[in-house]
Amino acid sequence: MKRREFVTLIGGAAAWPIAARAQRSGAKRRIVVVGQLAPGDVETVARSAAFEQALAALGWTKGDTIAIDYRWIGVNPALAEKTAVEVVALAPDVLLASSNGVIAPLSKATGTIPIVMVQVIDPVGSGYVESMARPGGNITGFTQFEYSLASKWLDLLMEIAPRTSRVAVLREPTHGPGIGQFAVIQAMAPARGVEPIPINPSDVADMERRITAFASVPNGGMIATVGRRHRHAPRDSYCHSQHEPLTGDLSLSLLRR
């Protein structure tokens, strides 16, 4: 599914609670969007435009039938907590929350304002919803993936490079998704005859040294789990034999044999 098509779905989901309330009143409705992108990121412009176009297609025009407030907070837990309190005090008709770092404080700040979540990892395991089929409470939306899918990354790696015997797993050891994803990979690795080796992206220079050292031995593969820091993984690390660049921005990267 293309990004624009996905954002259209998000727009539709955000419009559900608004439409329900609009049937009871003709007042202009209000959405507050809270995301972890930086305010000046070009992606914020693209996503905002696509979101507003999707709402317009459903009859909700910004500045006319609906007001939209954006809060782009970057990766800042303290600001996320502060913003959650502030936006709940505004009493919007619906909140659109992007990422676990945003949905967590919002879910604590309100149990009544409808929240549509997007790009959230394992919302059931994290306790945001009761189940994906019947979320319950005031939260619904879309999940990026569940931790169990991490085993599929390992399967894909083995399918592409069957001789792989060592797998470097780029993960954040103190961040929920990093812990959960590595645990799944670690549990499945013995049955596939591979050794999982965690690499923590606490320091970019150290991470580059570790990846370079790992790549110096043949038959190694790499999985970059979803996280906040290792999106800045070094782009110039190479595999031992084929010298193919490792792209750190991808959630699944491979160092072929």
C-alpha atoms as a PDB file:
ATOM      1  CA  MET A   1       0.000   0.000   0.000  1.00  0.00           C
ATOM      2  CA  LYS A   2       1.357   3.410  -0.970  1.00  0.00           C
ATOM      3  CA  ARG A   3       1.863   6.069   1.703  1.00  0.00           C
ATOM      4  CA  ARG A   4      -0.871   8.320   0.279  1.00  0.00           C
ATOM      5  CA  GLU A   5      -3.369   5.443   0.288  1.00  0.00           C
ATOM      6  CA  PHE A   6      -2.461   4.667   3.889  1.00  0.00           C
ATOM      7  CA  VAL A   7      -2.853   8.286   4.959  1.00  0.00           C
ATOM      8  CA  THR A   8      -6.273   8.252   3.278  1.00  0.00           C
ATOM      9  CA  LEU A   9      -7.232   5.387   5.566  1.00  0.00           C
ATOM     10  CA  ILE A  10      -5.958   7.374   8.542  1.00  0.00           C
ATOM     11  CA  GLY A  11      -8.077  10.338   7.463  1.00  0.00           C
ATOM     12  CA  GLY A  12     -11.113   8.106   7.293  1.00  0.00           C
ATOM     13  CA  ALA A  13     -10.429   6.664  10.728  1.00  0.00           C
ATOM     14  CA  ALA A  14      -9.999  10.117  12.228  1.00  0.00           C
ATOM     15  CA  ALA A  15     -13.285  11.206  10.664  1.00  0.00           C
ATOM     16  CA  TRP A  16     -15.340   8.420  12.277  1.00  0.00           C
ATOM     17  CA  PRO A  17     -15.702   9.933  15.777  1.00  0.00           C
ATOM     18  CA  ILE A  18     -16.031  13.427  14.306  1.00  0.00           C
ATOM     19  CA  ALA A  19     -18.904  12.373  12.073  1.00  0.00           C
ATOM     20  CA  ALA A  20     -20.667  10.753  15.005  1.00  0.00           C
ATOM     21  CA  ARG A  21     -20.439  13.918  17.086  1.00  0.00           C
ATOM     22  CA  ALA A  22     -21.296  16.175  14.174  1.00  0.00           C
ATOM     23  CA  GLN A  23     -24.672  14.510  13.902  1.00  0.00           C
ATOM     24  CA  ARG A  24     -25.485  16.022  17.280  1.00  0.00           C
ATOM     25  CA  SER A  25     -24.182  19.521  16.615  1.00  0.00           C
ATOM     26  CA  GLY A  26     -23.354  21.808  13.711  1.00  0.00           C
ATOM     27  CA  ALA A  27     -20.290  23.330  15.396  1.00  0.00           C
ATOM     28  CA  LYS A  28     -16.881  23.170  13.753  1.00  0.00           C
ATOM     29  CA  ARG A  29     -14.994  20.077  14.839  1.00  0.00           C
ATOM     30  CA  ARG A  30     -11.386  19.901  15.967  1.00  0.00           C
ATOM     31  CA  ILE A  31      -8.597  17.377  15.458  1.00  0.00           C
ATOM     32  CA  VAL A  32      -5.245  17.564  17.205  1.00  0.00           C
ATOM     33  CA  VAL A  33      -2.423  15.650  15.531  1.00  0.00           C
ATOM     34  CA  VAL A  34       0.575  14.720  17.684  1.00  0.00           C
ATOM     35  CA  GLY A  35       3.604  13.111  16.017  1.00  0.00           C
ATOM     36  CA  GLN A  36       7.240  12.336  16.729  1.00  0.00           C
ATOM     37  CA  LEU A  37       8.637  13.931  13.603  1.00  0.00           C
ATOM     38  CA  ALA A  38      10.630  17.140  13.998  1.00  0.00           C
ATOM     39  CA  PRO A  39       8.718  20.364  13.242  1.00  0.00           C
ATOM     40  CA  GLY A  40      10.973  21.233  10.313  1.00  0.00           C
ATOM     41  CA  ASP A  41      11.052  17.736   8.777  1.00  0.00           C
ATOM     42  CA  VAL A  42       9.906  17.713   5.141  1.00  0.00           C
ATOM     43  CA  GLU A  43       7.910  14.587   5.955  1.00  0.00           C
ATOM     44  CA  THR A  44       5.670  16.590   8.292  1.00  0.00           C
ATOM     45  CA  VAL A  45       4.609  18.769   5.360  1.00  0.00           C
ATOM     46  CA  ALA A  46       3.916  15.783   3.130  1.00  0.00           C
ATOM     47  CA  ARG A  47       1.937  13.903   5.773  1.00  0.00           C
ATOM     48  CA  SER A  48      -0.077  16.944   6.799  1.00  0.00           C
ATOM     49  CA  ALA A  49      -1.024  17.680   3.190  1.00  0.00           C
ATOM     50  CA  ALA A  50      -2.036  14.085   2.484  1.00  0.00           C
ATOM     51  CA  PHE A  51      -4.034  13.914   5.718  1.00  0.00           C
ATOM     52  CA  GLU A  52      -5.929  17.104   4.946  1.00  0.00           C
ATOM     53  CA  GLN A  53      -6.658  15.959   1.382  1.00  0.00           C
ATOM     54  CA  ALA A  54      -8.028  12.666   2.689  1.00  0.00           C
ATOM     55  CA  LEU A  55     -10.324  14.495   5.110  1.00  0.00           C
ATOM     56  CA  ALA A  56     -11.438  16.908   2.374  1.00  0.00           C
ATOM     57  CA  ALA A  57     -12.422  13.959   0.204  1.00  0.00           C
ATOM     58  CA  LEU A  58     -14.712  12.886   3.044  1.00  0.00           C
ATOM     59  CA  GLY A  59     -16.287  16.338   3.282  1.00  0.00           C
ATOM     60  CA  TRP A  60     -14.153  17.780   6.083  1.00  0.00           C
ATOM     61  CA  THR A  61     -12.321  20.920   4.956  1.00  0.00           C
ATOM     62  CA  LYS A  62      -9.678  22.528   7.142  1.00  0.00           C
ATOM     63  CA  GLY A  63     -10.715  26.018   8.212  1.00  0.00           C
ATOM     64  CA  ASP A  64     -14.307  25.441   7.131  1.00  0.00           C
ATOM     65  CA  THR A  65     -15.914  22.379   8.677  1.00  0.00           C
ATOM     66  CA  ILE A  66     -12.947  21.323  10.755  1.00  0.00           C
ATOM     67  CA  ALA A  67      -9.967  22.783  12.632  1.00  0.00           C
ATOM     68  CA  ILE A  68      -6.682  20.867  12.698  1.00  0.00           C
ATOM     69  CA  ASP A  69      -3.854  21.555  15.143  1.00  0.00           C
ATOM     70  CA  TYR A  70      -0.453  19.942  14.674  1.00  0.00           C
ATOM     71  CA  ARG A  71       2.057  19.229  17.423  1.00  0.00           C
ATOM     72  CA  TRP A  72       5.338  17.843  16.072  1.00  0.00           C
ATOM     73  CA  ILE A  73       7.474  17.063  19.091  1.00  0.00           C
ATOM     74  CA  GLY A  74      10.369  14.965  17.811  1.00  0.00           C
ATOM     75  CA  VAL A  75      11.747  12.215  20.057  1.00  0.00           C
ATOM     76  CA  ASN A  76      11.399  13.983  23.390  1.00  0.00           C
ATOM     77  CA  PRO A  77       9.672  12.015  26.192  1.00  0.00           C
ATOM     78  CA  ALA A  78       9.403  15.027  28.503  1.00  0.00           C
ATOM     79  CA  LEU A  79       7.823  17.136  25.767  1.00  0.00           C
ATOM     80  CA  ALA A  80       5.505  14.256  24.888  1.00  0.00           C
ATOM     81  CA  GLU A  81       4.179  14.165  28.461  1.00  0.00           C
ATOM     82  CA  LYS A  82       3.742  17.937  28.531  1.00  0.00           C
ATOM     83  CA  THR A  83       2.063  18.006  25.120  1.00  0.00           C
ATOM     84  CA  ALA A  84      -0.347  15.225  26.101  1.00  0.00           C
ATOM     85  CA  VAL A  85      -1.631  17.272  29.027  1.00  0.00           C
ATOM     86  CA  GLU A  86      -1.911  20.399  26.886  1.00  0.00           C
ATOM     87  CA  VAL A  87      -3.829  18.844  23.995  1.00  0.00           C
ATOM     88  CA  VAL A  88      -6.250  16.997  26.265  1.00  0.00           C
ATOM     89  CA  ALA A  89      -7.016  20.323  27.971  1.00  0.00           C
ATOM     90  CA  LEU A  90      -8.082  21.649  24.549  1.00  0.00           C
ATOM     91  CA  ALA A  91     -10.877  19.029  24.539  1.00  0.00           C
ATOM     92  CA  PRO A  92     -10.668  18.217  20.802  1.00  0.00           C
ATOM     93  CA  ASP A  93     -13.159  15.904  19.136  1.00  0.00           C
ATOM     94  CA  VAL A  94     -10.421  13.426  18.252  1.00  0.00           C
ATOM     95  CA  LEU A  95      -6.684  12.980  18.729  1.00  0.00           C
ATOM     96  CA  LEU A  96      -4.429  11.468  16.073  1.00  0.00           C
ATOM     97  CA  ALA A  97      -1.342   9.963  17.716  1.00  0.00           C
ATOM     98  CA  SER A  98       1.664   8.766  15.750  1.00  0.00           C
ATOM     99  CA  SER A  99       4.113   6.327  17.417  1.00  0.00           C
ATOM    100  CA  ASN A 100       4.368   4.630  20.814  1.00  0.00           C
ATOM    101  CA  GLY A 101       6.143   7.631  22.276  1.00  0.00           C
ATOM    102  CA  VAL A 102       3.032   9.719  21.667  1.00  0.00           C
ATOM    103  CA  ILE A 103       0.209   7.250  22.328  1.00  0.00           C
ATOM    104  CA  ALA A 104       1.610   6.255  25.734  1.00  0.00           C
ATOM    105  CA  PRO A 105       1.247   9.667  27.442  1.00  0.00           C
ATOM    106  CA  LEU A 106      -2.010  10.434  25.609  1.00  0.00           C
ATOM    107  CA  SER A 107      -3.599   7.182  26.784  1.00  0.00           C
ATOM    108  CA  LYS A 108      -2.723   8.157  30.355  1.00  0.00           C
ATOM    109  CA  ALA A 109      -3.964  11.722  29.941  1.00  0.00           C
ATOM    110  CA  THR A 110      -7.478  10.852  28.734  1.00  0.00           C
ATOM    111  CA  GLY A 111      -9.839   7.911  28.762  1.00  0.00           C
ATOM    112  CA  THR A 112     -12.697   9.715  27.031  1.00  0.00           C
ATOM    113  CA  ILE A 113     -11.412  11.644  23.997  1.00  0.00           C
ATOM    114  CA  PRO A 114     -11.269   9.330  20.949  1.00  0.00           C
ATOM    115  CA  ILE A 115      -7.691   8.574  19.916  1.00  0.00           C
ATOM    116  CA  VAL A 116      -6.672   7.195  16.513  1.00  0.00           C
ATOM    117  CA  MET A 117      -3.217   5.618  16.672  1.00  0.00           C
ATOM    118  CA  VAL A 118      -0.855   5.106  13.732  1.00  0.00           C
ATOM    119  CA  GLN A 119       2.663   3.662  13.483  1.00  0.00           C
ATOM    120  CA  VAL A 120       2.285   2.047  16.889  1.00  0.00           C
ATOM    121  CA  ILE A 121       4.156  -1.164  17.706  1.00  0.00           C
ATOM    122  CA  ASP A 122       2.349  -3.989  19.525  1.00  0.00           C
ATOM    123  CA  PRO A 123      -0.547  -1.927  20.950  1.00  0.00           C
ATOM    124  CA  VAL A 124      -2.050  -5.009  22.614  1.00  0.00           C
ATOM    125  CA  GLY A 125       1.175  -6.031  24.347  1.00  0.00           C
ATOM    126  CA  SER A 126       1.819  -2.433  25.322  1.00  0.00           C
ATOM    127  CA  GLY A 127      -1.621  -2.246  26.955  1.00  0.00           C
ATOM    128  CA  TYR A 128      -3.102   0.496  24.776  1.00  0.00           C
ATOM    129  CA  VAL A 129      -5.959  -1.679  23.495  1.00  0.00           C
ATOM    130  CA  GLU A 130      -7.557  -4.941  24.588  1.00  0.00           C
ATOM    131  CA  SER A 131      -7.254  -6.523  21.144  1.00  0.00           C
ATOM    132  CA  MET A 132      -6.968  -5.424  17.521  1.00  0.00           C
ATOM    133  CA  ALA A 133     -10.395  -6.853  16.694  1.00  0.00           C
ATOM    134  CA  ARG A 134     -12.071  -5.245  19.722  1.00  0.00           C
ATOM    135  CA  PRO A 135      -9.799  -2.491  21.033  1.00  0.00           C
ATOM    136  CA  GLY A 136     -12.264  -1.250  23.660  1.00  0.00           C
ATOM    137  CA  GLY A 137     -11.873   2.054  25.474  1.00  0.00           C
ATOM    138  CA  ASN A 138     -11.220   5.245  23.540  1.00  0.00           C
ATOM    139  CA  ILE A 139      -8.326   4.073  21.321  1.00  0.00           C
ATOM    140  CA  THR A 140      -8.438   2.538  17.849  1.00  0.00           C
ATOM    141  CA  GLY A 141      -6.341   2.707  14.692  1.00  0.00           C
ATOM    142  CA  PHE A 142      -3.473   0.937  12.984  1.00  0.00           C
ATOM    143  CA  THR A 143      -0.480  -1.043  14.211  1.00  0.00           C
ATOM    144  CA  GLN A 144       2.886  -1.002  12.507  1.00  0.00           C
ATOM    145  CA  PHE A 145       3.481  -4.651  13.439  1.00  0.00           C
ATOM    146  CA  GLU A 146       3.504  -7.062  16.344  1.00  0.00           C
ATOM    147  CA  TYR A 147       6.715  -8.391  17.844  1.00  0.00           C
ATOM    148  CA  SER A 148       6.019 -11.870  16.452  1.00  0.00           C
ATOM    149  CA  LEU A 149       6.715 -10.525  12.971  1.00  0.00           C
ATOM    150  CA  ALA A 150      10.391 -10.193  13.910  1.00  0.00           C
ATOM    151  CA  SER A 151      10.708 -13.942  13.292  1.00  0.00           C
ATOM    152  CA  LYS A 152       9.672 -13.319   9.684  1.00  0.00           C
ATOM    153  CA  TRP A 153      12.648 -10.976   9.263  1.00  0.00           C
ATOM    154  CA  LEU A 154      14.924 -13.849  10.253  1.00  0.00           C
ATOM    155  CA  ASP A 155      13.135 -16.192   7.852  1.00  0.00           C
ATOM    156  CA  LEU A 156      13.487 -13.668   5.041  1.00  0.00           C
ATOM    157  CA  LEU A 157      17.183 -13.255   5.739  1.00  0.00           C
ATOM    158  CA  MET A 158      17.701 -17.029   5.664  1.00  0.00           C
ATOM    159  CA  GLU A 159      15.744 -17.303   2.425  1.00  0.00           C
ATOM    160  CA  ILE A 160      17.866 -14.646   0.737  1.00  0.00           C
ATOM    161  CA  ALA A 161      21.177 -15.851   2.191  1.00  0.00           C
ATOM    162  CA  PRO A 162      20.842 -19.544   3.228  1.00  0.00           C
ATOM    163  CA  ARG A 163      24.497 -19.802   4.320  1.00  0.00           C
ATOM    164  CA  THR A 164      24.026 -17.166   7.016  1.00  0.00           C
ATOM    165  CA  SER A 165      25.333 -18.434  10.358  1.00  0.00           C
ATOM    166  CA  ARG A 166      25.619 -15.173  12.317  1.00  0.00           C
ATOM    167  CA  VAL A 167      23.034 -12.386  12.569  1.00  0.00           C
ATOM    168  CA  ALA A 168      23.792  -8.967  13.970  1.00  0.00           C
ATOM    169  CA  VAL A 169      20.655  -7.446  15.456  1.00  0.00           C
ATOM    170  CA  LEU A 170      20.664  -3.669  15.681  1.00  0.00           C
ATOM    171  CA  ARG A 171      18.356  -2.866  18.579  1.00  0.00           C
ATOM    172  CA  GLU A 172      17.792  -0.500  21.495  1.00  0.00           C
ATOM    173  CA  PRO A 173      18.266  -2.512  24.722  1.00  0.00           C
ATOM    174  CA  THR A 174      16.268  -0.128  26.932  1.00  0.00           C
ATOM    175  CA  HIS A 175      13.430   0.585  24.487  1.00  0.00           C
ATOM    176  CA  GLY A 176      10.341  -1.652  24.491  1.00  0.00           C
ATOM    177  CA  PRO A 177      10.295  -2.502  20.755  1.00  0.00           C
ATOM    178  CA  GLY A 178      14.024  -3.205  20.740  1.00  0.00           C
ATOM    179  CA  ILE A 179      13.679  -5.589  23.693  1.00  0.00           C
ATOM    180  CA  GLY A 180      10.640  -7.383  22.287  1.00  0.00           C
ATOM    181  CA  GLN A 181      11.926  -7.767  18.739  1.00  0.00           C
ATOM    182  CA  PHE A 182      15.330  -9.089  19.821  1.00  0.00           C
ATOM    183  CA  ALA A 183      13.683 -11.564  22.207  1.00  0.00           C
ATOM    184  CA  VAL A 184      11.686 -13.064  19.334  1.00  0.00           C
ATOM    185  CA  ILE A 185      14.744 -13.278  17.060  1.00  0.00           C
ATOM    186  CA  GLN A 186      16.820 -14.787  19.883  1.00  0.00           C
ATOM    187  CA  ALA A 187      14.178 -17.435  20.558  1.00  0.00           C
ATOM    188  CA  MET A 188      13.859 -18.450  16.902  1.00  0.00           C
ATOM    189  CA  ALA A 189      17.582 -18.353  15.985  1.00  0.00           C
ATOM    190  CA  PRO A 190      18.665 -21.792  17.361  1.00  0.00           C
ATOM    191  CA  ALA A 191      16.115 -23.645  15.250  1.00  0.00           C
ATOM    192  CA  ARG A 192      17.530 -21.906  12.176  1.00  0.00           C
ATOM    193  CA  GLY A 193      21.131 -22.599  13.086  1.00  0.00           C
ATOM    194  CA  VAL A 194      22.211 -18.987  13.470  1.00  0.00           C
ATOM    195  CA  GLU A 195      23.796 -17.014  16.283  1.00  0.00           C
ATOM    196  CA  PRO A 196      22.124 -13.676  17.111  1.00  0.00           C
ATOM    197  CA  ILE A 197      24.547 -10.923  18.109  1.00  0.00           C
ATOM    198  CA  PRO A 198      23.010  -7.715  19.530  1.00  0.00           C
ATOM    199  CA  ILE A 199      24.455  -4.348  18.560  1.00  0.00           C
ATOM    200  CA  ASN A 200      23.271  -1.387  20.603  1.00  0.00           C
ATOM    201  CA  PRO A 201      23.146   2.029  18.850  1.00  0.00           C
ATOM    202  CA  SER A 202      24.028   4.086  21.906  1.00  0.00           C
ATOM    203  CA  ASP A 203      26.998   5.659  20.167  1.00  0.00           C
ATOM    204  CA  VAL A 204      27.224   6.085  16.396  1.00  0.00           C
ATOM    205  CA  ALA A 205      31.018   5.727  16.258  1.00  0.00           C
ATOM    206  CA  ASP A 206      30.944   2.591  18.420  1.00  0.00           C
ATOM    207  CA  MET A 207      28.077   1.173  16.381  1.00  0.00           C
ATOM    208  CA  GLU A 208      30.053   1.696  13.178  1.00  0.00           C
ATOM    209  CA  ARG A 209      33.080  -0.087  14.632  1.00  0.00           C
ATOM    210  CA  ARG A 210      30.957  -3.041  15.718  1.00  0.00           C
ATOM    211  CA  ILE A 211      29.210  -3.346  12.364  1.00  0.00           C
ATOM    212  CA  THR A 212      32.516  -3.099  10.494  1.00  0.00           C
ATOM    213  CA  ALA A 213      34.037  -5.799  12.706  1.00  0.00           C
ATOM    214  CA  PHE A 214      31.009  -8.027  12.271  1.00  0.00           C
ATOM    215  CA  ALA A 215      31.085  -7.584   8.491  1.00  0.00           C
ATOM    216  CA  SER A 216      34.735  -8.652   8.324  1.00  0.00           C
ATOM    217  CA  VAL A 217      33.693 -12.295   8.894  1.00  0.00           C
ATOM    218  CA  PRO A 218      31.773 -14.066   6.085  1.00  0.00           C
ATOM    219  CA  ASN A 219      28.306 -15.615   6.281  1.00  0.00           C
ATOM    220  CA  GLY A 220      26.869 -12.792   8.373  1.00  0.00           C
ATOM    221  CA  GLY A 221      23.505 -11.098   8.057  1.00  0.00           C
ATOM    222  CA  MET A 222      21.972  -8.127   9.775  1.00  0.00           C
ATOM    223  CA  ILE A 223      18.530  -7.146  10.975  1.00  0.00           C
ATOM    224  CA  ALA A 224      17.889  -3.539  11.966  1.00  0.00           C
ATOM    225  CA  THR A 225      14.897  -3.582  14.266  1.00  0.00           C
ATOM    226  CA  VAL A 226      12.509  -0.673  14.507  1.00  0.00           C
ATOM    227  CA  GLY A 227      13.857   1.992  16.833  1.00  0.00           C
ATOM    228  CA  ARG A 228      14.532   5.673  17.303  1.00  0.00           C
ATOM    229  CA  ARG A 229      18.319   5.958  17.306  1.00  0.00           C
ATOM    230  CA  HIS A 230      19.574   3.523  14.705  1.00  0.00           C
ATOM    231  CA  ARG A 231      17.841   5.326  11.856  1.00  0.00           C
ATOM    232  CA  HIS A 232      21.196   7.114  11.852  1.00  0.00           C
ATOM    233  CA  ALA A 233      23.140   3.889  11.421  1.00  0.00           C
ATOM    234  CA  PRO A 234      26.280   4.283   9.321  1.00  0.00           C
ATOM    235  CA  ARG A 235      25.529   4.024   5.620  1.00  0.00           C
ATOM    236  CA  ASP A 236      29.076   3.122   4.590  1.00  0.00           C
ATOM    237  CA  SER A 237      29.441  -0.246   6.332  1.00  0.00           C
ATOM    238  CA  TYR A 238      30.107  -3.041   3.878  1.00  0.00           C
ATOM    239  CA  CYS A 239      29.811  -6.783   3.828  1.00  0.00           C
ATOM    240  CA  HIS A 240      33.019  -8.787   3.737  1.00  0.00           C
ATOM    241  CA  SER A 241      32.833 -10.280   0.274  1.00  0.00           C
ATOM    242  CA  GLN A 242      30.455  -8.291  -1.884  1.00  0.00           C
ATOM    243  CA  HIS A 243      30.993  -4.769  -0.523  1.00  0.00           C
ATOM    244  CA  GLU A 244      27.317  -3.863  -0.654  1.00  0.00           C
ATOM    245  CA  PRO A 245      26.293  -0.769   1.343  1.00  0.00           C
ATOM    246  CA  LEU A 246      24.188  -1.230   4.453  1.00  0.00           C
ATOM    247  CA  THR A 247      21.248   1.161   4.503  1.00  0.00           C
ATOM    248  CA  GLY A 248      20.546   2.046   8.127  1.00  0.00           C
ATOM    249  CA  ASP A 249      17.207   3.759   7.445  1.00  0.00           C
ATOM    250  CA  LEU A 250      15.512   0.492   6.490  1.00  0.00           C
ATOM    251  CA  SER A 251      13.792  -1.546   9.187  1.00  0.00           C
ATOM    252  CA  LEU A 252      15.276  -4.682   7.606  1.00  0.00           C
ATOM    253  CA  SER A 253      18.806  -4.504   6.258  1.00  0.00           C
ATOM    254  CA  LEU A 254      20.923  -7.356   5.015  1.00  0.00           C
ATOM    255  CA  LEU A 255      24.615  -8.041   4.927  1.00  0.00           C
ATOM    256  CA  ARG A 256      24.758 -10.814   2.394  1.00  0.00           C
ATOM    257  CA  ARG A 257      27.257 -13.663   2.693  1.00  0.00           C
END
